[in-house]
C-alpha atoms as a PDB file:
ATOM      1  CA  MET A   1       0.000   0.000   0.000  1.00  0.00           C
ATOM      2  CA  ARG A   2       1.422   3.369  -1.054  1.00  0.00           C
ATOM      3  CA  GLN A   3       0.729   5.982   1.597  1.00  0.00           C
ATOM      4  CA  TYR A   4       0.382   9.718   1.025  1.00  0.00           C
ATOM      5  CA  GLY A   5      -1.037  12.591   3.024  1.00  0.00           C
ATOM      6  CA  LEU A   6      -1.099  16.230   4.037  1.00  0.00           C
ATOM      7  CA  ILE A   7       0.553  17.926   7.008  1.00  0.00           C
ATOM      8  CA  GLY A   8      -0.495  21.298   8.365  1.00  0.00           C
ATOM      9  CA  ASN A   9      -1.953  22.934  11.433  1.00  0.00           C
ATOM     10  CA  THR A  10      -5.706  22.891  10.709  1.00  0.00           C
ATOM     11  CA  LEU A  11      -6.867  20.459   8.023  1.00  0.00           C
ATOM     12  CA  SER A  12     -10.562  19.807   8.630  1.00  0.00           C
ATOM     13  CA  HIS A  13     -11.592  21.531   5.387  1.00  0.00           C
ATOM     14  CA  SER A  14      -8.752  20.226   3.244  1.00  0.00           C
ATOM     15  CA  PHE A  15      -9.120  19.968  -0.528  1.00  0.00           C
ATOM     16  CA  SER A  16      -6.317  17.448  -0.965  1.00  0.00           C
ATOM     17  CA  GLN A  17      -7.821  14.389   0.694  1.00  0.00           C
ATOM     18  CA  LYS A  18     -11.091  14.666  -1.238  1.00  0.00           C
ATOM     19  CA  HIS A  19      -9.185  15.202  -4.476  1.00  0.00           C
ATOM     20  CA  PHE A  20      -6.983  12.146  -4.093  1.00  0.00           C
ATOM     21  CA  ILE A  21      -9.737   9.843  -2.808  1.00  0.00           C
ATOM     22  CA  ASN A  22     -11.819  10.802  -5.852  1.00  0.00           C
ATOM     23  CA  LYS A  23      -8.785  10.269  -8.093  1.00  0.00           C
ATOM     24  CA  PHE A  24      -8.136   6.809  -6.686  1.00  0.00           C
ATOM     25  CA  GLU A  25     -11.774   5.811  -7.233  1.00  0.00           C
ATOM     26  CA  LYS A  26     -12.093   7.327 -10.713  1.00  0.00           C
ATOM     27  CA  GLU A  27      -8.800   5.870 -11.982  1.00  0.00           C
ATOM     28  CA  ASN A  28      -9.252   2.539 -10.188  1.00  0.00           C
ATOM     29  CA  ILE A  29      -6.077   2.971  -8.148  1.00  0.00           C
ATOM     30  CA  LYS A  30      -6.464   0.394  -5.385  1.00  0.00           C
ATOM     31  CA  ASP A  31      -3.095   0.347  -3.634  1.00  0.00           C
ATOM     32  CA  CYS A  32      -2.996   3.936  -2.318  1.00  0.00           C
ATOM     33  CA  SER A  33      -4.251   5.905   0.666  1.00  0.00           C
ATOM     34  CA  TYR A  34      -4.237   9.624   1.459  1.00  0.00           C
ATOM     35  CA  ASN A  35      -4.672  10.889   5.014  1.00  0.00           C
ATOM     36  CA  LEU A  36      -4.639  14.135   6.953  1.00  0.00           C
ATOM     37  CA  PHE A  37      -1.994  14.673   9.632  1.00  0.00           C
ATOM     38  CA  GLU A  38      -2.407  17.725  11.843  1.00  0.00           C
ATOM     39  CA  LEU A  39       0.790  18.916  13.520  1.00  0.00           C
ATOM     40  CA  LYS A  40       0.472  21.645  16.123  1.00  0.00           C
ATOM     41  CA  ASP A  41       4.176  22.425  15.792  1.00  0.00           C
ATOM     42  CA  ILE A  42       6.609  21.664  12.958  1.00  0.00           C
ATOM     43  CA  HIS A  43       9.101  20.364  15.525  1.00  0.00           C
ATOM     44  CA  GLN A  44       6.778  17.372  15.887  1.00  0.00           C
ATOM     45  CA  PHE A  45       7.760  16.371  12.339  1.00  0.00           C
ATOM     46  CA  PRO A  46      10.652  13.981  13.206  1.00  0.00           C
ATOM     47  CA  LYS A  47       8.515  12.163  15.781  1.00  0.00           C
ATOM     48  CA  PHE A  48       5.665  12.024  13.270  1.00  0.00           C
ATOM     49  CA  LEU A  49       7.964  10.385  10.726  1.00  0.00           C
ATOM     50  CA  SER A  50       9.138   7.832  13.279  1.00  0.00           C
ATOM     51  CA  THR A  51       5.544   6.659  13.714  1.00  0.00           C
ATOM     52  CA  HIS A  52       4.690   6.789   9.983  1.00  0.00           C
ATOM     53  CA  LYS A  53       7.563   4.873   8.417  1.00  0.00           C
ATOM     54  CA  ASN A  54       5.738   3.784   5.253  1.00  0.00           C
ATOM     55  CA  LEU A  55       4.982   7.194   3.767  1.00  0.00           C
ATOM     56  CA  ASN A  56       5.740   7.642   0.068  1.00  0.00           C
ATOM     57  CA  GLY A  57       4.929  11.331  -0.133  1.00  0.00           C
ATOM     58  CA  LEU A  58       3.338  14.288   1.608  1.00  0.00           C
ATOM     59  CA  ASN A  59       1.783  17.593   0.746  1.00  0.00           C
ATOM     60  CA  VAL A  60       2.516  20.514   3.081  1.00  0.00           C
ATOM     61  CA  THR A  61       0.158  23.386   3.811  1.00  0.00           C
ATOM     62  CA  ILE A  62       0.137  26.471   6.047  1.00  0.00           C
ATOM     63  CA  PRO A  63       1.924  27.312   8.201  1.00  0.00           C
ATOM     64  CA  TYR A  64       4.759  24.858   7.436  1.00  0.00           C
ATOM     65  CA  LYS A  65       5.726  25.493   3.799  1.00  0.00           C
ATOM     66  CA  GLU A  66       8.863  27.345   4.871  1.00  0.00           C
ATOM     67  CA  SER A  67       9.759  25.803   8.229  1.00  0.00           C
ATOM     68  CA  VAL A  68       9.618  22.202   6.955  1.00  0.00           C
ATOM     69  CA  ILE A  69      12.689  22.911   4.798  1.00  0.00           C
ATOM     70  CA  ASP A  70      14.933  22.530   7.857  1.00  0.00           C
ATOM     71  CA  PHE A  71      13.973  18.841   8.058  1.00  0.00           C
ATOM     72  CA  LEU A  72      14.684  17.911   4.423  1.00  0.00           C
ATOM     73  CA  THR A  73      17.607  16.056   2.892  1.00  0.00           C
ATOM     74  CA  ASP A  74      17.330  17.820  -0.465  1.00  0.00           C
ATOM     75  CA  ILE A  75      15.289  20.506  -2.171  1.00  0.00           C
ATOM     76  CA  ASP A  76      14.362  21.078  -5.800  1.00  0.00           C
ATOM     77  CA  GLU A  77      16.087  24.098  -7.378  1.00  0.00           C
ATOM     78  CA  ASN A  78      12.790  25.835  -8.082  1.00  0.00           C
ATOM     79  CA  ALA A  79      11.589  25.368  -4.503  1.00  0.00           C
ATOM     80  CA  LYS A  80      14.970  26.582  -3.236  1.00  0.00           C
ATOM     81  CA  ALA A  81      14.653  29.786  -5.264  1.00  0.00           C
ATOM     82  CA  ILE A  82      11.158  30.371  -3.880  1.00  0.00           C
ATOM     83  CA  GLY A  83      12.038  29.464  -0.283  1.00  0.00           C
ATOM     84  CA  ALA A  84       8.949  27.320   0.254  1.00  0.00           C
ATOM     85  CA  VAL A  85       7.880  23.736  -0.419  1.00  0.00           C
ATOM     86  CA  ASN A  86       4.506  22.031  -0.484  1.00  0.00           C
ATOM     87  CA  THR A  87       5.380  18.532  -1.704  1.00  0.00           C
ATOM     88  CA  LEU A  88       7.716  15.956  -0.138  1.00  0.00           C
ATOM     89  CA  LYS A  89       8.968  12.794  -1.785  1.00  0.00           C
ATOM     90  CA  PHE A  90      10.367   9.993   0.404  1.00  0.00           C
ATOM     91  CA  SER A  91      12.889   7.335  -0.489  1.00  0.00           C
ATOM     92  CA  GLU A  92      12.581   3.887   1.040  1.00  0.00           C
ATOM     93  CA  ASN A  93      13.142   3.951   4.811  1.00  0.00           C
ATOM     94  CA  GLN A  94      12.760   7.748   4.723  1.00  0.00           C
ATOM     95  CA  ASN A  95      16.538   8.256   4.654  1.00  0.00           C
ATOM     96  CA  HIS A  96      16.098  10.809   1.893  1.00  0.00           C
ATOM     97  CA  ILE A  97      13.347  13.460   1.799  1.00  0.00           C
ATOM     98  CA  LYS A  98      13.225  15.895  -1.114  1.00  0.00           C
ATOM     99  CA  GLY A  99      11.066  19.014  -1.192  1.00  0.00           C
ATOM    100  CA  TYR A 100       9.308  20.474  -4.228  1.00  0.00           C
ATOM    101  CA  ASN A 101       6.984  23.406  -4.896  1.00  0.00           C
ATOM    102  CA  THR A 102       4.025  22.358  -7.039  1.00  0.00           C
ATOM    103  CA  ASP A 103       2.103  25.509  -6.044  1.00  0.00           C
ATOM    104  CA  TYR A 104       4.448  27.245  -8.481  1.00  0.00           C
ATOM    105  CA  TYR A 105       3.237  25.068 -11.339  1.00  0.00           C
ATOM    106  CA  GLY A 106      -0.438  25.303 -10.366  1.00  0.00           C
ATOM    107  CA  PHE A 107      -0.440  29.059  -9.897  1.00  0.00           C
ATOM    108  CA  LYS A 108       1.442  29.845 -13.090  1.00  0.00           C
ATOM    109  CA  LYS A 109      -0.659  27.593 -15.315  1.00  0.00           C
ATOM    110  CA  SER A 110      -3.956  28.828 -13.854  1.00  0.00           C
ATOM    111  CA  LEU A 111      -2.965  32.508 -14.028  1.00  0.00           C
ATOM    112  CA  LYS A 112      -1.581  32.840 -17.546  1.00  0.00           C
ATOM    113  CA  PRO A 113      -4.835  32.435 -19.570  1.00  0.00           C
ATOM    114  CA  PHE A 114      -6.358  35.476 -17.834  1.00  0.00           C
ATOM    115  CA  LEU A 115      -3.472  37.919 -18.175  1.00  0.00           C
ATOM    116  CA  ASP A 116      -3.753  40.963 -20.410  1.00  0.00           C
ATOM    117  CA  ILE A 117      -1.178  43.525 -21.484  1.00  0.00           C
ATOM    118  CA  TYR A 118      -2.140  45.920 -18.684  1.00  0.00           C
ATOM    119  CA  HIS A 119      -1.562  43.292 -15.972  1.00  0.00           C
ATOM    120  CA  ASP A 120       2.080  44.332 -15.748  1.00  0.00           C
ATOM    121  CA  ARG A 121       2.073  45.346 -12.065  1.00  0.00           C
ATOM    122  CA  ALA A 122       0.713  43.373  -9.156  1.00  0.00           C
ATOM    123  CA  LEU A 123      -0.144  43.653  -5.481  1.00  0.00           C
ATOM    124  CA  ILE A 124       0.363  40.510  -3.413  1.00  0.00           C
ATOM    125  CA  PHE A 125      -1.572  40.386  -0.146  1.00  0.00           C
ATOM    126  CA  GLY A 126       0.525  38.446   2.360  1.00  0.00           C
ATOM    127  CA  THR A 127       4.204  37.633   2.863  1.00  0.00           C
ATOM    128  CA  GLY A 128       4.232  33.907   3.715  1.00  0.00           C
ATOM    129  CA  GLY A 129       5.217  30.854   1.695  1.00  0.00           C
ATOM    130  CA  ALA A 130       2.340  31.215  -0.777  1.00  0.00           C
ATOM    131  CA  ALA A 131       3.261  34.867  -1.360  1.00  0.00           C
ATOM    132  CA  LYS A 132       6.841  33.838  -2.110  1.00  0.00           C
ATOM    133  CA  THR A 133       5.592  31.378  -4.714  1.00  0.00           C
ATOM    134  CA  VAL A 134       3.364  33.994  -6.331  1.00  0.00           C
ATOM    135  CA  LYS A 135       6.184  36.543  -6.361  1.00  0.00           C
ATOM    136  CA  HIS A 136       8.520  34.049  -8.042  1.00  0.00           C
ATOM    137  CA  VAL A 137       5.984  33.282 -10.776  1.00  0.00           C
ATOM    138  CA  LEU A 138       5.268  36.961 -11.415  1.00  0.00           C
ATOM    139  CA  SER A 139       8.975  37.679 -11.671  1.00  0.00           C
ATOM    140  CA  GLU A 140       9.285  34.987 -14.362  1.00  0.00           C
ATOM    141  CA  LEU A 141       6.373  36.615 -16.208  1.00  0.00           C
ATOM    142  CA  ASN A 142       8.042  40.062 -15.958  1.00  0.00           C
ATOM    143  CA  ILE A 143       5.272  41.429 -13.740  1.00  0.00           C
ATOM    144  CA  ASP A 144       6.466  43.918 -11.124  1.00  0.00           C
ATOM    145  CA  CYS A 145       4.957  43.349  -7.707  1.00  0.00           C
ATOM    146  CA  ILE A 146       4.605  44.870  -4.255  1.00  0.00           C
ATOM    147  CA  LEU A 147       3.816  42.812  -1.150  1.00  0.00           C
ATOM    148  CA  VAL A 148       1.118  44.095   1.199  1.00  0.00           C
ATOM    149  CA  SER A 149       1.412  43.227   4.885  1.00  0.00           C
ATOM    150  CA  ARG A 150      -0.215  44.156   8.177  1.00  0.00           C
ATOM    151  CA  ASN A 151       3.303  44.816   9.450  1.00  0.00           C
ATOM    152  CA  PRO A 152       5.617  45.662   6.525  1.00  0.00           C
ATOM    153  CA  MET A 153       9.184  44.807   7.473  1.00  0.00           C
ATOM    154  CA  ASN A 154      11.179  44.676   4.261  1.00  0.00           C
ATOM    155  CA  GLU A 155      11.857  46.686   1.153  1.00  0.00           C
ATOM    156  CA  ASN A 156       9.085  46.421  -1.446  1.00  0.00           C
ATOM    157  CA  GLU A 157       6.455  45.859   1.266  1.00  0.00           C
ATOM    158  CA  ILE A 158       3.654  48.276   2.123  1.00  0.00           C
ATOM    159  CA  ALA A 159       0.763  48.322   4.594  1.00  0.00           C
ATOM    160  CA  TYR A 160      -2.920  47.925   3.735  1.00  0.00           C
ATOM    161  CA  SER A 161      -3.349  51.563   4.778  1.00  0.00           C
ATOM    162  CA  ASP A 162      -1.033  52.511   1.893  1.00  0.00           C
ATOM    163  CA  LEU A 163      -3.474  51.141  -0.712  1.00  0.00           C
ATOM    164  CA  ASN A 164      -4.615  54.534  -1.960  1.00  0.00           C
ATOM    165  CA  LYS A 165      -6.091  55.582  -5.292  1.00  0.00           C
ATOM    166  CA  HIS A 166      -2.684  55.924  -6.961  1.00  0.00           C
ATOM    167  CA  VAL A 167      -1.510  52.440  -5.896  1.00  0.00           C
ATOM    168  CA  ILE A 168      -4.715  50.659  -6.957  1.00  0.00           C
ATOM    169  CA  LYS A 169      -4.841  52.564 -10.248  1.00  0.00           C
ATOM    170  CA  HIS A 170      -1.368  51.400 -11.238  1.00  0.00           C
ATOM    171  CA  HIS A 171      -1.661  47.767 -10.136  1.00  0.00           C
ATOM    172  CA  HIS A 172      -4.300  45.926 -12.143  1.00  0.00           C
ATOM    173  CA  LEU A 173      -3.438  42.475 -10.798  1.00  0.00           C
ATOM    174  CA  ILE A 174      -4.237  41.846  -7.107  1.00  0.00           C
ATOM    175  CA  ILE A 175      -3.599  38.444  -5.520  1.00  0.00           C
ATOM    176  CA  ASN A 176      -4.684  37.388  -2.042  1.00  0.00           C
ATOM    177  CA  THR A 177      -2.380  34.781  -0.509  1.00  0.00           C
ATOM    178  CA  THR A 178      -3.632  35.292   3.064  1.00  0.00           C
ATOM    179  CA  PRO A 179      -6.315  33.206   4.838  1.00  0.00           C
ATOM    180  CA  ILE A 180      -8.521  36.309   5.223  1.00  0.00           C
ATOM    181  CA  GLY A 181     -12.001  35.296   4.071  1.00  0.00           C
ATOM    182  CA  MET A 182     -11.446  31.549   4.355  1.00  0.00           C
ATOM    183  CA  PHE A 183     -14.235  29.417   5.812  1.00  0.00           C
ATOM    184  CA  PRO A 184     -15.459  29.679   8.543  1.00  0.00           C
ATOM    185  CA  ASN A 185     -14.469  33.383   8.616  1.00  0.00           C
ATOM    186  CA  SER A 186     -15.936  34.038   5.187  1.00  0.00           C
ATOM    187  CA  GLN A 187     -17.515  37.348   6.225  1.00  0.00           C
ATOM    188  CA  LYS A 188     -14.045  38.977   6.180  1.00  0.00           C
ATOM    189  CA  SER A 189     -11.971  40.382   3.325  1.00  0.00           C
ATOM    190  CA  PRO A 190      -8.647  42.219   2.952  1.00  0.00           C
ATOM    191  CA  GLU A 191      -9.172  45.860   3.838  1.00  0.00           C
ATOM    192  CA  PHE A 192      -8.879  48.480   1.114  1.00  0.00           C
ATOM    193  CA  ASP A 193     -11.268  50.674  -0.882  1.00  0.00           C
ATOM    194  CA  TYR A 194     -12.915  48.312  -3.380  1.00  0.00           C
ATOM    195  CA  ASN A 195     -14.577  51.312  -5.041  1.00  0.00           C
ATOM    196  CA  LEU A 196     -11.182  52.055  -6.633  1.00  0.00           C
ATOM    197  CA  LEU A 197     -11.358  48.877  -8.708  1.00  0.00           C
ATOM    198  CA  THR A 198     -12.179  48.931 -12.434  1.00  0.00           C
ATOM    199  CA  ALA A 199     -13.020  46.430 -15.152  1.00  0.00           C
ATOM    200  CA  LYS A 200      -9.302  46.223 -15.975  1.00  0.00           C
ATOM    201  CA  HIS A 201      -8.504  44.775 -12.572  1.00  0.00           C
ATOM    202  CA  PHE A 202      -7.927  41.050 -12.154  1.00  0.00           C
ATOM    203  CA  LEU A 203      -8.365  39.751  -8.596  1.00  0.00           C
ATOM    204  CA  TYR A 204      -7.100  36.264  -7.811  1.00  0.00           C
ATOM    205  CA  ASP A 205      -7.829  34.687  -4.424  1.00  0.00           C
ATOM    206  CA  LEU A 206      -5.827  31.577  -3.565  1.00  0.00           C
ATOM    207  CA  ILE A 207      -8.663  30.593  -1.202  1.00  0.00           C
ATOM    208  CA  TYR A 208     -11.068  27.986  -2.611  1.00  0.00           C
ATOM    209  CA  ASN A 209     -13.404  27.566   0.388  1.00  0.00           C
ATOM    210  CA  PRO A 210     -15.782  29.346   0.065  1.00  0.00           C
ATOM    211  CA  GLU A 211     -15.801  29.143  -3.716  1.00  0.00           C
ATOM    212  CA  GLU A 212     -16.470  32.878  -3.899  1.00  0.00           C
ATOM    213  CA  THR A 213     -14.880  34.879  -1.097  1.00  0.00           C
ATOM    214  CA  LEU A 214     -16.047  38.320  -0.055  1.00  0.00           C
ATOM    215  CA  PHE A 215     -12.846  39.623  -1.679  1.00  0.00           C
ATOM    216  CA  LEU A 216     -13.993  38.237  -5.030  1.00  0.00           C
ATOM    217  CA  LYS A 217     -17.646  39.240  -4.566  1.00  0.00           C
ATOM    218  CA  LYS A 218     -16.679  42.869  -4.003  1.00  0.00           C
ATOM    219  CA  ALA A 219     -14.441  42.743  -7.075  1.00  0.00           C
ATOM    220  CA  GLU A 220     -17.163  41.248  -9.265  1.00  0.00           C
ATOM    221  CA  GLU A 221     -19.480  44.090  -8.271  1.00  0.00           C
ATOM    222  CA  LYS A 222     -16.940  46.449  -9.862  1.00  0.00           C
ATOM    223  CA  GLY A 223     -16.750  44.411 -13.066  1.00  0.00           C
ATOM    224  CA  CYS A 224     -13.338  42.884 -12.351  1.00  0.00           C
ATOM    225  CA  ILE A 225     -12.016  39.587 -13.629  1.00  0.00           C
ATOM    226  CA  THR A 226     -11.947  37.154 -10.690  1.00  0.00           C
ATOM    227  CA  LEU A 227     -10.508  33.715 -10.054  1.00  0.00           C
ATOM    228  CA  ASN A 228     -10.390  31.497  -6.970  1.00  0.00           C
ATOM    229  CA  GLY A 229      -7.717  28.963  -6.041  1.00  0.00           C
ATOM    230  CA  LEU A 230      -9.504  25.749  -7.002  1.00  0.00           C
ATOM    231  CA  GLU A 231      -7.895  25.263 -10.414  1.00  0.00           C
ATOM    232  CA  MET A 232      -4.482  25.997  -8.920  1.00  0.00           C
ATOM    233  CA  LEU A 233      -5.121  23.360  -6.233  1.00  0.00           C
ATOM    234  CA  LYS A 234      -6.117  20.749  -8.801  1.00  0.00           C
ATOM    235  CA  LEU A 235      -3.064  21.457 -10.942  1.00  0.00           C
ATOM    236  CA  GLN A 236      -0.627  21.374  -8.034  1.00  0.00           C
ATOM    237  CA  ALA A 237      -2.149  18.134  -6.734  1.00  0.00           C
ATOM    238  CA  GLU A 238      -1.667  16.416 -10.082  1.00  0.00           C
ATOM    239  CA  LYS A 239       1.904  17.717 -10.234  1.00  0.00           C
ATOM    240  CA  SER A 240       2.513  16.231  -6.774  1.00  0.00           C
ATOM    241  CA  TRP A 241       1.194  12.880  -7.993  1.00  0.00           C
ATOM    242  CA  GLU A 242       3.542  13.041 -10.984  1.00  0.00           C
ATOM    243  CA  ILE A 243       6.537  13.718  -8.695  1.00  0.00           C
ATOM    244  CA  TRP A 244       5.633  10.883  -6.335  1.00  0.00           C
ATOM    245  CA  ASN A 245       5.353   8.410  -9.191  1.00  0.00           C
ATOM    246  CA  THR A 246       8.448   9.199 -11.247  1.00  0.00           C
END
């Protein structure tokens, strides 16, 4: 039996398990399982591995996409450049663990069909592992970006209070990588003046539950292009499966 799963802090509404269980049924894959493993602290990871010795691969979600790197034997060059991983591949006996970033693949492939010539500057809400992935993809696509944080610490970071008319006007691509608006707190959205949005704006929310966040609803009311994170999740999951089985 090949064993796979997902590690993270809170996993009760995970996409991954449902996706892989459906995949196994649809494709008649009988020798695989996919389970959820909640870790309250990433330092529990070595002990977790010692009690799950037959794992073939794992997905990694928030808040461990960066901190899990310290426990790996090797890391894919793309994931190393990003500074975050979301997929782990195990050798036999777990003496070799390699990290990959399939979010990169999923985000890039889902984003590109919607881009227009005026989507040349972007705002990224958040500064965590997902934001790093998004920033890396945008850099490859020659899209300038600014990170937006509640507590800006570094160069090229601004606060939500800095999102004035001038900033919104000159950044037609806005991507939410934070959990703001995720179920069960779906009544919340990143704070800025949504009245500044126009039909040229493209708002992408990496959240997929709920299917339409308040962030996206407010954008749709202004005629914006909107996209949630479901297609990205499907693409990254299939990329994980490809890595585990090659």
